Full PDB file with SEQRES, HELIX, SHEET, SSBOND, CRYST1, ORIGX, SCALE, CONECT and MASTER records, all heavy atoms in Angstrom:
SEQRES   1 A   39  LEU ARG GLN GLY ARG THR GLU ALA TYR ASP VAL ARG GLU          
SEQRES   2 A   39  SER LEU ALA ASN ILE GLY THR GLY PHE ILE TYR LYS VAL          
SEQRES   3 A   39  GLY ASP ALA LEU PHE LEU ILE VAL ALA GLY SER ALA ALA          
HELIX    1 AA1 THR A    6  ALA A    8  5                                   3    
HELIX    2 AA2 VAL A   11  PHE A   31  1                                  21    
HELIX    3 AA3 LEU A   32  GLY A   36  3                                   5    
CRYST1    1.000    1.000    1.000  90.00  90.00  90.00 P 1           1          
ORIGX1      1.000000  0.000000  0.000000        0.00000                         
ORIGX2      0.000000  1.000000  0.000000        0.00000                         
ORIGX3      0.000000  0.000000  1.000000        0.00000                         
SCALE1      1.000000  0.000000  0.000000        0.00000                         
SCALE2      0.000000  1.000000  0.000000        0.00000                         
SCALE3      0.000000  0.000000  1.000000        0.00000                         
ATOM      1  N   LEU A   1      -9.170 -14.529 -18.512  1.00  0.00           N  
ATOM      2  CA  LEU A   1     -10.197 -15.552 -18.765  1.00  0.00           C  
ATOM      3  C   LEU A   1     -11.427 -14.929 -19.411  1.00  0.00           C  
ATOM      4  O   LEU A   1     -12.037 -15.537 -20.310  1.00  0.00           O  
ATOM      5  CB  LEU A   1     -10.572 -16.254 -17.453  1.00  0.00           C  
ATOM      6  CG  LEU A   1      -9.543 -17.236 -16.890  1.00  0.00           C  
ATOM      7  CD1 LEU A   1     -10.004 -17.770 -15.530  1.00  0.00           C  
ATOM      8  CD2 LEU A   1      -9.309 -18.394 -17.865  1.00  0.00           C  
ATOM      9  N   ARG A   2     -11.780 -13.745 -18.994  1.00  0.00           N  
ATOM     10  CA  ARG A   2     -12.918 -13.041 -19.616  1.00  0.00           C  
ATOM     11  C   ARG A   2     -12.643 -12.721 -21.080  1.00  0.00           C  
ATOM     12  O   ARG A   2     -13.566 -12.638 -21.886  1.00  0.00           O  
ATOM     13  CB  ARG A   2     -13.226 -11.745 -18.861  1.00  0.00           C  
ATOM     14  CG  ARG A   2     -13.883 -11.949 -17.518  1.00  0.00           C  
ATOM     15  CD  ARG A   2     -14.564 -10.676 -17.062  1.00  0.00           C  
ATOM     16  NE  ARG A   2     -15.577 -10.227 -18.014  1.00  0.00           N  
ATOM     17  CZ  ARG A   2     -16.321  -9.124 -17.857  1.00  0.00           C  
ATOM     18  NH1 ARG A   2     -16.151  -8.361 -16.779  1.00  0.00           N  
ATOM     19  NH2 ARG A   2     -17.205  -8.771 -18.744  1.00  0.00           N  
ATOM     20  N   GLN A   3     -11.355 -12.532 -21.390  1.00  0.00           N  
ATOM     21  CA  GLN A   3     -10.968 -12.255 -22.769  1.00  0.00           C  
ATOM     22  C   GLN A   3     -10.790 -13.525 -23.584  1.00  0.00           C  
ATOM     23  O   GLN A   3     -10.401 -13.461 -24.759  1.00  0.00           O  
ATOM     24  CB  GLN A   3      -9.657 -11.453 -22.797  1.00  0.00           C  
ATOM     25  CG  GLN A   3      -9.681 -10.173 -21.988  1.00  0.00           C  
ATOM     26  CD  GLN A   3     -10.775  -9.227 -22.430  1.00  0.00           C  
ATOM     27  OE1 GLN A   3     -10.898  -8.925 -23.614  1.00  0.00           O  
ATOM     28  NE2 GLN A   3     -11.598  -8.770 -21.482  1.00  0.00           N  
ATOM     29  N   GLY A   4     -11.033 -14.672 -22.991  1.00  0.00           N  
ATOM     30  CA  GLY A   4     -10.869 -15.934 -23.690  1.00  0.00           C  
ATOM     31  C   GLY A   4      -9.447 -16.446 -23.711  1.00  0.00           C  
ATOM     32  O   GLY A   4      -9.140 -17.408 -24.422  1.00  0.00           O  
ATOM     33  N   ARG A   5      -8.561 -15.845 -22.909  1.00  0.00           N  
ATOM     34  CA  ARG A   5      -7.151 -16.245 -22.882  1.00  0.00           C  
ATOM     35  C   ARG A   5      -6.942 -17.358 -21.855  1.00  0.00           C  
ATOM     36  O   ARG A   5      -6.266 -17.179 -20.845  1.00  0.00           O  
ATOM     37  CB  ARG A   5      -6.276 -15.034 -22.552  1.00  0.00           C  
ATOM     38  CG  ARG A   5      -6.246 -13.939 -23.605  1.00  0.00           C  
ATOM     39  CD  ARG A   5      -5.412 -14.365 -24.818  1.00  0.00           C  
ATOM     40  NE  ARG A   5      -4.126 -14.861 -24.406  1.00  0.00           N  
ATOM     41  CZ  ARG A   5      -3.089 -14.068 -24.070  1.00  0.00           C  
ATOM     42  NH1 ARG A   5      -3.212 -12.771 -24.116  1.00  0.00           N  
ATOM     43  NH2 ARG A   5      -1.933 -14.610 -23.713  1.00  0.00           N  
ATOM     44  N   THR A   6      -7.522 -18.487 -22.094  1.00  0.00           N  
ATOM     45  CA  THR A   6      -7.436 -19.585 -21.129  1.00  0.00           C  
ATOM     46  C   THR A   6      -6.032 -20.153 -21.006  1.00  0.00           C  
ATOM     47  O   THR A   6      -5.697 -20.779 -20.000  1.00  0.00           O  
ATOM     48  CB  THR A   6      -8.403 -20.713 -21.525  1.00  0.00           C  
ATOM     49  OG1 THR A   6      -8.097 -21.143 -22.864  1.00  0.00           O  
ATOM     50  CG2 THR A   6      -9.853 -20.239 -21.477  1.00  0.00           C  
ATOM     51  N   GLU A   7      -5.207 -19.941 -22.029  1.00  0.00           N  
ATOM     52  CA  GLU A   7      -3.851 -20.479 -22.014  1.00  0.00           C  
ATOM     53  C   GLU A   7      -2.865 -19.588 -21.262  1.00  0.00           C  
ATOM     54  O   GLU A   7      -1.725 -19.988 -21.011  1.00  0.00           O  
ATOM     55  CB  GLU A   7      -3.353 -20.674 -23.447  1.00  0.00           C  
ATOM     56  CG  GLU A   7      -2.787 -19.425 -24.129  1.00  0.00           C  
ATOM     57  CD  GLU A   7      -3.823 -18.329 -24.439  1.00  0.00           C  
ATOM     58  OE1 GLU A   7      -5.046 -18.618 -24.371  1.00  0.00           O  
ATOM     59  OE2 GLU A   7      -3.424 -17.197 -24.750  1.00  0.00           O  
ATOM     60  N   ALA A   8      -3.286 -18.379 -20.903  1.00  0.00           N  
ATOM     61  CA  ALA A   8      -2.366 -17.400 -20.321  1.00  0.00           C  
ATOM     62  C   ALA A   8      -1.939 -17.760 -18.903  1.00  0.00           C  
ATOM     63  O   ALA A   8      -0.900 -17.303 -18.434  1.00  0.00           O  
ATOM     64  CB  ALA A   8      -3.000 -16.012 -20.329  1.00  0.00           C  
ATOM     65  N   TYR A   9      -2.733 -18.578 -18.224  1.00  0.00           N  
ATOM     66  CA  TYR A   9      -2.419 -18.977 -16.858  1.00  0.00           C  
ATOM     67  C   TYR A   9      -2.537 -20.488 -16.712  1.00  0.00           C  
ATOM     68  O   TYR A   9      -3.406 -21.122 -17.299  1.00  0.00           O  
ATOM     69  CB  TYR A   9      -3.370 -18.315 -15.855  1.00  0.00           C  
ATOM     70  CG  TYR A   9      -2.813 -17.068 -15.209  1.00  0.00           C  
ATOM     71  CD1 TYR A   9      -3.000 -15.825 -15.791  1.00  0.00           C  
ATOM     72  CD2 TYR A   9      -2.112 -17.141 -14.011  1.00  0.00           C  
ATOM     73  CE1 TYR A   9      -2.499 -14.670 -15.200  1.00  0.00           C  
ATOM     74  CE2 TYR A   9      -1.611 -15.996 -13.407  1.00  0.00           C  
ATOM     75  CZ  TYR A   9      -1.801 -14.766 -14.006  1.00  0.00           C  
ATOM     76  OH  TYR A   9      -1.297 -13.628 -13.411  1.00  0.00           O  
ATOM     77  N   ASP A  10      -1.636 -21.058 -15.935  1.00  0.00           N  
ATOM     78  CA  ASP A  10      -1.727 -22.433 -15.494  1.00  0.00           C  
ATOM     79  C   ASP A  10      -1.608 -22.392 -13.976  1.00  0.00           C  
ATOM     80  O   ASP A  10      -0.598 -21.902 -13.443  1.00  0.00           O  
ATOM     81  CB  ASP A  10      -0.610 -23.279 -16.104  1.00  0.00           C  
ATOM     82  CG  ASP A  10      -0.670 -24.727 -15.659  1.00  0.00           C  
ATOM     83  OD1 ASP A  10      -0.184 -25.007 -14.535  1.00  0.00           O  
ATOM     84  OD2 ASP A  10      -1.171 -25.575 -16.409  1.00  0.00           O  
ATOM     85  N   VAL A  11      -2.628 -22.862 -13.285  1.00  0.00           N  
ATOM     86  CA  VAL A  11      -2.666 -22.729 -11.829  1.00  0.00           C  
ATOM     87  C   VAL A  11      -1.466 -23.407 -11.176  1.00  0.00           C  
ATOM     88  O   VAL A  11      -0.847 -22.857 -10.256  1.00  0.00           O  
ATOM     89  CB  VAL A  11      -3.983 -23.310 -11.269  1.00  0.00           C  
ATOM     90  CG1 VAL A  11      -3.952 -23.309  -9.742  1.00  0.00           C  
ATOM     91  CG2 VAL A  11      -5.165 -22.495 -11.766  1.00  0.00           C  
ATOM     92  N   ARG A  12      -1.090 -24.582 -11.667  1.00  0.00           N  
ATOM     93  CA  ARG A  12       0.052 -25.291 -11.077  1.00  0.00           C  
ATOM     94  C   ARG A  12       1.330 -24.488 -11.253  1.00  0.00           C  
ATOM     95  O   ARG A  12       2.151 -24.382 -10.325  1.00  0.00           O  
ATOM     96  CB  ARG A  12       0.203 -26.670 -11.713  1.00  0.00           C  
ATOM     97  CG  ARG A  12      -0.956 -27.624 -11.466  1.00  0.00           C  
ATOM     98  CD  ARG A  12      -0.749 -28.881 -12.280  1.00  0.00           C  
ATOM     99  NE  ARG A  12      -0.550 -28.561 -13.700  1.00  0.00           N  
ATOM    100  CZ  ARG A  12      -0.029 -29.399 -14.582  1.00  0.00           C  
ATOM    101  NH1 ARG A  12       0.383 -30.602 -14.209  1.00  0.00           N  
ATOM    102  NH2 ARG A  12       0.095 -29.035 -15.848  1.00  0.00           N  
ATOM    103  N   GLU A  13       1.513 -23.921 -12.423  1.00  0.00           N  
ATOM    104  CA  GLU A  13       2.710 -23.121 -12.660  1.00  0.00           C  
ATOM    105  C   GLU A  13       2.706 -21.862 -11.799  1.00  0.00           C  
ATOM    106  O   GLU A  13       3.745 -21.472 -11.247  1.00  0.00           O  
ATOM    107  CB  GLU A  13       2.808 -22.739 -14.132  1.00  0.00           C  
ATOM    108  CG  GLU A  13       4.062 -21.934 -14.458  1.00  0.00           C  
ATOM    109  CD  GLU A  13       4.131 -21.528 -15.920  1.00  0.00           C  
ATOM    110  OE1 GLU A  13       3.337 -20.648 -16.317  1.00  0.00           O  
ATOM    111  OE2 GLU A  13       4.963 -22.086 -16.640  1.00  0.00           O  
ATOM    112  N   SER A  14       1.555 -21.233 -11.671  1.00  0.00           N  
ATOM    113  CA  SER A  14       1.465 -20.024 -10.854  1.00  0.00           C  
ATOM    114  C   SER A  14       1.813 -20.316  -9.403  1.00  0.00           C  
ATOM    115  O   SER A  14       2.506 -19.534  -8.739  1.00  0.00           O  
ATOM    116  CB  SER A  14       0.057 -19.419 -10.951  1.00  0.00           C  
ATOM    117  OG  SER A  14      -0.217 -18.994 -12.274  1.00  0.00           O  
ATOM    118  N   LEU A  15       1.336 -21.453  -8.891  1.00  0.00           N  
ATOM    119  CA  LEU A  15       1.679 -21.846  -7.519  1.00  0.00           C  
ATOM    120  C   LEU A  15       3.180 -22.108  -7.387  1.00  0.00           C  
ATOM    121  O   LEU A  15       3.799 -21.758  -6.371  1.00  0.00           O  
ATOM    122  CB  LEU A  15       0.887 -23.088  -7.118  1.00  0.00           C  
ATOM    123  CG  LEU A  15      -0.628 -22.873  -6.929  1.00  0.00           C  
ATOM    124  CD1 LEU A  15      -1.315 -24.206  -6.666  1.00  0.00           C  
ATOM    125  CD2 LEU A  15      -0.904 -21.891  -5.801  1.00  0.00           C  
ATOM    126  N   ALA A  16       3.771 -22.718  -8.426  1.00  0.00           N  
ATOM    127  CA  ALA A  16       5.219 -22.938  -8.419  1.00  0.00           C  
ATOM    128  C   ALA A  16       5.957 -21.604  -8.418  1.00  0.00           C  
ATOM    129  O   ALA A  16       6.965 -21.439  -7.710  1.00  0.00           O  
ATOM    130  CB  ALA A  16       5.629 -23.775  -9.629  1.00  0.00           C  
ATOM    131  N   ASN A  17       5.457 -20.644  -9.191  1.00  0.00           N  
ATOM    132  CA  ASN A  17       6.089 -19.330  -9.243  1.00  0.00           C  
ATOM    133  C   ASN A  17       6.030 -18.631  -7.887  1.00  0.00           C  
ATOM    134  O   ASN A  17       7.002 -18.015  -7.436  1.00  0.00           O  
ATOM    135  CB  ASN A  17       5.410 -18.464 -10.303  1.00  0.00           C  
ATOM    136  CG  ASN A  17       5.617 -18.991 -11.709  1.00  0.00           C  
ATOM    137  OD1 ASN A  17       6.477 -19.840 -11.943  1.00  0.00           O  
ATOM    138  ND2 ASN A  17       4.820 -18.501 -12.644  1.00  0.00           N  
ATOM    139  N   ILE A  18       4.889 -18.726  -7.232  1.00  0.00           N  
ATOM    140  CA  ILE A  18       4.744 -18.128  -5.905  1.00  0.00           C  
ATOM    141  C   ILE A  18       5.692 -18.817  -4.924  1.00  0.00           C  
ATOM    142  O   ILE A  18       6.317 -18.171  -4.075  1.00  0.00           O  
ATOM    143  CB  ILE A  18       3.284 -18.230  -5.433  1.00  0.00           C  
ATOM    144  CG1 ILE A  18       2.399 -17.339  -6.313  1.00  0.00           C  
ATOM    145  CG2 ILE A  18       3.151 -17.819  -3.969  1.00  0.00           C  
ATOM    146  CD1 ILE A  18       0.907 -17.553  -6.110  1.00  0.00           C  
ATOM    147  N   GLY A  19       5.819 -20.129  -5.056  1.00  0.00           N  
ATOM    148  CA  GLY A  19       6.735 -20.876  -4.190  1.00  0.00           C  
ATOM    149  C   GLY A  19       8.179 -20.459  -4.381  1.00  0.00           C  
ATOM    150  O   GLY A  19       8.917 -20.271  -3.401  1.00  0.00           O  
ATOM    151  N   THR A  20       8.612 -20.312  -5.630  1.00  0.00           N  
ATOM    152  CA  THR A  20       9.989 -19.871  -5.871  1.00  0.00           C  
ATOM    153  C   THR A  20      10.200 -18.465  -5.344  1.00  0.00           C  
ATOM    154  O   THR A  20      11.267 -18.143  -4.818  1.00  0.00           O  
ATOM    155  CB  THR A  20      10.353 -19.918  -7.367  1.00  0.00           C  
ATOM    156  OG1 THR A  20       9.507 -19.002  -8.093  1.00  0.00           O  
ATOM    157  CG2 THR A  20      10.204 -21.315  -7.951  1.00  0.00           C  
ATOM    158  N   GLY A  21       9.174 -17.619  -5.470  1.00  0.00           N  
ATOM    159  CA  GLY A  21       9.292 -16.257  -4.964  1.00  0.00           C  
ATOM    160  C   GLY A  21       9.483 -16.213  -3.464  1.00  0.00           C  
ATOM    161  O   GLY A  21      10.276 -15.419  -2.949  1.00  0.00           O  
ATOM    162  N   PHE A  22       8.777 -17.079  -2.752  1.00  0.00           N  
ATOM    163  CA  PHE A  22       8.924 -17.117  -1.297  1.00  0.00           C  
ATOM    164  C   PHE A  22      10.311 -17.626  -0.905  1.00  0.00           C  
ATOM    165  O   PHE A  22      10.974 -17.056  -0.033  1.00  0.00           O  
ATOM    166  CB  PHE A  22       7.845 -18.019  -0.678  1.00  0.00           C  
ATOM    167  CG  PHE A  22       7.894 -18.064   0.819  1.00  0.00           C  
ATOM    168  CD1 PHE A  22       7.337 -17.036   1.563  1.00  0.00           C  
ATOM    169  CD2 PHE A  22       8.501 -19.117   1.481  1.00  0.00           C  
ATOM    170  CE1 PHE A  22       7.388 -17.062   2.954  1.00  0.00           C  
ATOM    171  CE2 PHE A  22       8.559 -19.154   2.863  1.00  0.00           C  
ATOM    172  CZ  PHE A  22       7.996 -18.121   3.599  1.00  0.00           C  
ATOM    173  N   ILE A  23      10.774 -18.687  -1.569  1.00  0.00           N  
ATOM    174  CA  ILE A  23      12.113 -19.224  -1.294  1.00  0.00           C  
ATOM    175  C   ILE A  23      13.175 -18.160  -1.569  1.00  0.00           C  
ATOM    176  O   ILE A  23      14.125 -17.981  -0.800  1.00  0.00           O  
ATOM    177  CB  ILE A  23      12.381 -20.484  -2.135  1.00  0.00           C  
ATOM    178  CG1 ILE A  23      11.439 -21.615  -1.713  1.00  0.00           C  
ATOM    179  CG2 ILE A  23      13.830 -20.937  -2.009  1.00  0.00           C  
ATOM    180  CD1 ILE A  23      11.484 -22.817  -2.646  1.00  0.00           C  
ATOM    181  N   TYR A  24      13.003 -17.452  -2.675  1.00  0.00           N  
ATOM    182  CA  TYR A  24      13.950 -16.392  -3.039  1.00  0.00           C  
ATOM    183  C   TYR A  24      14.013 -15.312  -1.967  1.00  0.00           C  
ATOM    184  O   TYR A  24      15.097 -14.901  -1.534  1.00  0.00           O  
ATOM    185  CB  TYR A  24      13.544 -15.782  -4.380  1.00  0.00           C  
ATOM    186  CG  TYR A  24      13.951 -14.341  -4.555  1.00  0.00           C  
ATOM    187  CD1 TYR A  24      15.292 -13.987  -4.683  1.00  0.00           C  
ATOM    188  CD2 TYR A  24      12.996 -13.322  -4.595  1.00  0.00           C  
ATOM    189  CE1 TYR A  24      15.669 -12.656  -4.832  1.00  0.00           C  
ATOM    190  CE2 TYR A  24      13.362 -12.009  -4.744  1.00  0.00           C  
ATOM    191  CZ  TYR A  24      14.697 -11.667  -4.865  1.00  0.00           C  
ATOM    192  OH  TYR A  24      15.056 -10.358  -5.004  1.00  0.00           O  
ATOM    193  N   LYS A  25      12.847 -14.874  -1.505  1.00  0.00           N  
ATOM    194  CA  LYS A  25      12.831 -13.734  -0.585  1.00  0.00           C  
ATOM    195  C   LYS A  25      13.428 -14.104   0.771  1.00  0.00           C  
ATOM    196  O   LYS A  25      14.164 -13.320   1.374  1.00  0.00           O  
ATOM    197  CB  LYS A  25      11.397 -13.228  -0.421  1.00  0.00           C  
ATOM    198  CG  LYS A  25      11.329 -11.793   0.032  1.00  0.00           C  
ATOM    199  CD  LYS A  25      11.998 -10.908  -1.012  1.00  0.00           C  
ATOM    200  CE  LYS A  25      12.426  -9.577  -0.408  1.00  0.00           C  
ATOM    201  NZ  LYS A  25      13.262  -8.806  -1.354  1.00  0.00           N  
ATOM    202  N   VAL A  26      13.119 -15.310   1.242  1.00  0.00           N  
ATOM    203  CA  VAL A  26      13.692 -15.758   2.514  1.00  0.00           C  
ATOM    204  C   VAL A  26      15.200 -15.947   2.376  1.00  0.00           C  
ATOM    205  O   VAL A  26      15.978 -15.511   3.228  1.00  0.00           O  
ATOM    206  CB  VAL A  26      13.016 -17.065   2.973  1.00  0.00           C  
ATOM    207  CG1 VAL A  26      13.739 -17.630   4.191  1.00  0.00           C  
ATOM    208  CG2 VAL A  26      11.548 -16.812   3.296  1.00  0.00           C  
ATOM    209  N   GLY A  27      15.629 -16.584   1.290  1.00  0.00           N  
ATOM    210  CA  GLY A  27      17.062 -16.775   1.061  1.00  0.00           C  
ATOM    211  C   GLY A  27      17.797 -15.457   0.920  1.00  0.00           C  
ATOM    212  O   GLY A  27      18.921 -15.296   1.415  1.00  0.00           O  
ATOM    213  N   ASP A  28      17.164 -14.505   0.245  1.00  0.00           N  
ATOM    214  CA  ASP A  28      17.761 -13.186   0.064  1.00  0.00           C  
ATOM    215  C   ASP A  28      17.956 -12.493   1.413  1.00  0.00           C  
ATOM    216  O   ASP A  28      19.002 -11.879   1.667  1.00  0.00           O  
ATOM    217  CB  ASP A  28      16.851 -12.350  -0.838  1.00  0.00           C  
ATOM    218  CG  ASP A  28      17.408 -10.958  -1.097  1.00  0.00           C  
ATOM    219  OD1 ASP A  28      18.497 -10.848  -1.678  1.00  0.00           O  
ATOM    220  OD2 ASP A  28      16.738  -9.986  -0.721  1.00  0.00           O  
ATOM    221  N   ALA A  29      16.964 -12.605   2.291  1.00  0.00           N  
ATOM    222  CA  ALA A  29      17.069 -11.987   3.615  1.00  0.00           C  
ATOM    223  C   ALA A  29      18.180 -12.630   4.436  1.00  0.00           C  
ATOM    224  O   ALA A  29      18.961 -11.936   5.097  1.00  0.00           O  
ATOM    225  CB  ALA A  29      15.731 -12.112   4.349  1.00  0.00           C  
ATOM    226  N   LEU A  30      18.261 -13.951   4.399  1.00  0.00           N  
ATOM    227  CA  LEU A  30      19.306 -14.646   5.145  1.00  0.00           C  
ATOM    228  C   LEU A  30      20.696 -14.279   4.639  1.00  0.00           C  
ATOM    229  O   LEU A  30      21.626 -14.082   5.417  1.00  0.00           O  
ATOM    230  CB  LEU A  30      19.088 -16.159   5.052  1.00  0.00           C  
ATOM    231  CG  LEU A  30      17.840 -16.692   5.766  1.00  0.00           C  
ATOM    232  CD1 LEU A  30      17.663 -18.175   5.476  1.00  0.00           C  
ATOM    233  CD2 LEU A  30      17.921 -16.442   7.263  1.00  0.00           C  
ATOM    234  N   PHE A  31      20.835 -14.167   3.318  1.00  0.00           N  
ATOM    235  CA  PHE A  31      22.125 -13.785   2.744  1.00  0.00           C  
ATOM    236  C   PHE A  31      22.513 -12.382   3.184  1.00  0.00           C  
ATOM    237  O   PHE A  31      23.674 -12.110   3.515  1.00  0.00           O  
ATOM    238  CB  PHE A  31      22.081 -13.863   1.224  1.00  0.00           C  
ATOM    239  CG  PHE A  31      23.345 -13.374   0.566  1.00  0.00           C  
ATOM    240  CD1 PHE A  31      24.445 -14.210   0.445  1.00  0.00           C  
ATOM    241  CD2 PHE A  31      23.444 -12.070   0.099  1.00  0.00           C  
ATOM    242  CE1 PHE A  31      25.621 -13.760  -0.142  1.00  0.00           C  
ATOM    243  CE2 PHE A  31      24.615 -11.614  -0.489  1.00  0.00           C  
ATOM    244  CZ  PHE A  31      25.702 -12.460  -0.610  1.00  0.00           C  
ATOM    245  N   LEU A  32      21.538 -11.479   3.204  1.00  0.00           N  
ATOM    246  CA  LEU A  32      21.828 -10.099   3.594  1.00  0.00           C  
ATOM    247  C   LEU A  32      22.332 -10.031   5.031  1.00  0.00           C  
ATOM    248  O   LEU A  32      23.249  -9.272   5.345  1.00  0.00           O  
ATOM    249  CB  LEU A  32      20.566  -9.241   3.434  1.00  0.00           C  
ATOM    250  CG  LEU A  32      20.736  -7.732   3.675  1.00  0.00           C  
ATOM    251  CD1 LEU A  32      21.749  -7.143   2.709  1.00  0.00           C  
ATOM    252  CD2 LEU A  32      19.393  -7.025   3.557  1.00  0.00           C  
ATOM    253  N   ILE A  33      21.745 -10.858   5.888  1.00  0.00           N  
ATOM    254  CA  ILE A  33      22.167 -10.873   7.292  1.00  0.00           C  
ATOM    255  C   ILE A  33      23.566 -11.465   7.441  1.00  0.00           C  
ATOM    256  O   ILE A  33      24.426 -10.918   8.127  1.00  0.00           O  
ATOM    257  CB  ILE A  33      21.163 -11.677   8.138  1.00  0.00           C  
ATOM    258  CG1 ILE A  33      19.840 -10.928   8.230  1.00  0.00           C  
ATOM    259  CG2 ILE A  33      21.717 -11.942   9.533  1.00  0.00           C  
ATOM    260  CD1 ILE A  33      18.742 -11.735   8.870  1.00  0.00           C  
ATOM    261  N   VAL A  34      23.816 -12.595   6.771  1.00  0.00           N  
ATOM    262  CA  VAL A  34      25.060 -13.335   6.967  1.00  0.00           C  
ATOM    263  C   VAL A  34      26.240 -12.677   6.268  1.00  0.00           C  
ATOM    264  O   VAL A  34      27.320 -12.531   6.833  1.00  0.00           O  
ATOM    265  CB  VAL A  34      24.901 -14.794   6.480  1.00  0.00           C  
ATOM    266  CG1 VAL A  34      26.225 -15.535   6.536  1.00  0.00           C  
ATOM    267  CG2 VAL A  34      23.845 -15.519   7.305  1.00  0.00           C  
ATOM    268  N   ALA A  35      26.060 -12.268   5.033  1.00  0.00           N  
ATOM    269  CA  ALA A  35      27.205 -11.785   4.251  1.00  0.00           C  
ATOM    270  C   ALA A  35      26.980 -10.420   3.620  1.00  0.00           C  
ATOM    271  O   ALA A  35      27.893  -9.591   3.574  1.00  0.00           O  
ATOM    272  CB  ALA A  35      27.545 -12.810   3.153  1.00  0.00           C  
ATOM    273  N   GLY A  36      25.787 -10.182   3.124  1.00  0.00           N  
ATOM    274  CA  GLY A  36      25.535  -8.954   2.367  1.00  0.00           C  
ATOM    275  C   GLY A  36      25.741  -7.689   3.171  1.00  0.00           C  
ATOM    276  O   GLY A  36      26.387  -6.742   2.708  1.00  0.00           O  
ATOM    277  N   SER A  37      25.196  -7.658   4.385  1.00  0.00           N  
ATOM    278  CA  SER A  37      25.332  -6.457   5.198  1.00  0.00           C  
ATOM    279  C   SER A  37      26.785  -6.202   5.584  1.00  0.00           C  
ATOM    280  O   SER A  37      27.245  -5.056   5.615  1.00  0.00           O  
ATOM    281  CB  SER A  37      24.461  -6.556   6.448  1.00  0.00           C  
ATOM    282  OG  SER A  37      24.813  -7.696   7.209  1.00  0.00           O  
ATOM    283  N   ALA A  38      27.529  -7.285   5.863  1.00  0.00           N  
ATOM    284  CA  ALA A  38      28.946  -7.125   6.214  1.00  0.00           C  
ATOM    285  C   ALA A  38      29.731  -6.551   5.037  1.00  0.00           C  
ATOM    286  O   ALA A  38      30.579  -5.662   5.216  1.00  0.00           O  
ATOM    287  CB  ALA A  38      29.531  -8.473   6.635  1.00  0.00           C  
ATOM    288  N   ALA A  39      29.460  -7.069   3.826  1.00  0.00           N  
ATOM    289  CA  ALA A  39      30.146  -6.567   2.637  1.00  0.00           C  
ATOM    290  C   ALA A  39      29.794  -5.104   2.394  1.00  0.00           C  
ATOM    291  O   ALA A  39      30.666  -4.280   2.087  1.00  0.00           O  
ATOM    292  CB  ALA A  39      29.770  -7.414   1.424  1.00  0.00           C  
TER     293      ALA A  39                                                      
MASTER        0    0    0    3    0    0    0    6  292    1    0    3          
END                                                                             
């Protein structure tokens, strides 16, 4: 923003990205417990 790059971030999209990251990490942990570790 200091560089004038106002288009580089969209707050709604960033929140969506953080949300997908949280879903991914929890799902990844559950998969590791249920199937990944056994494999």
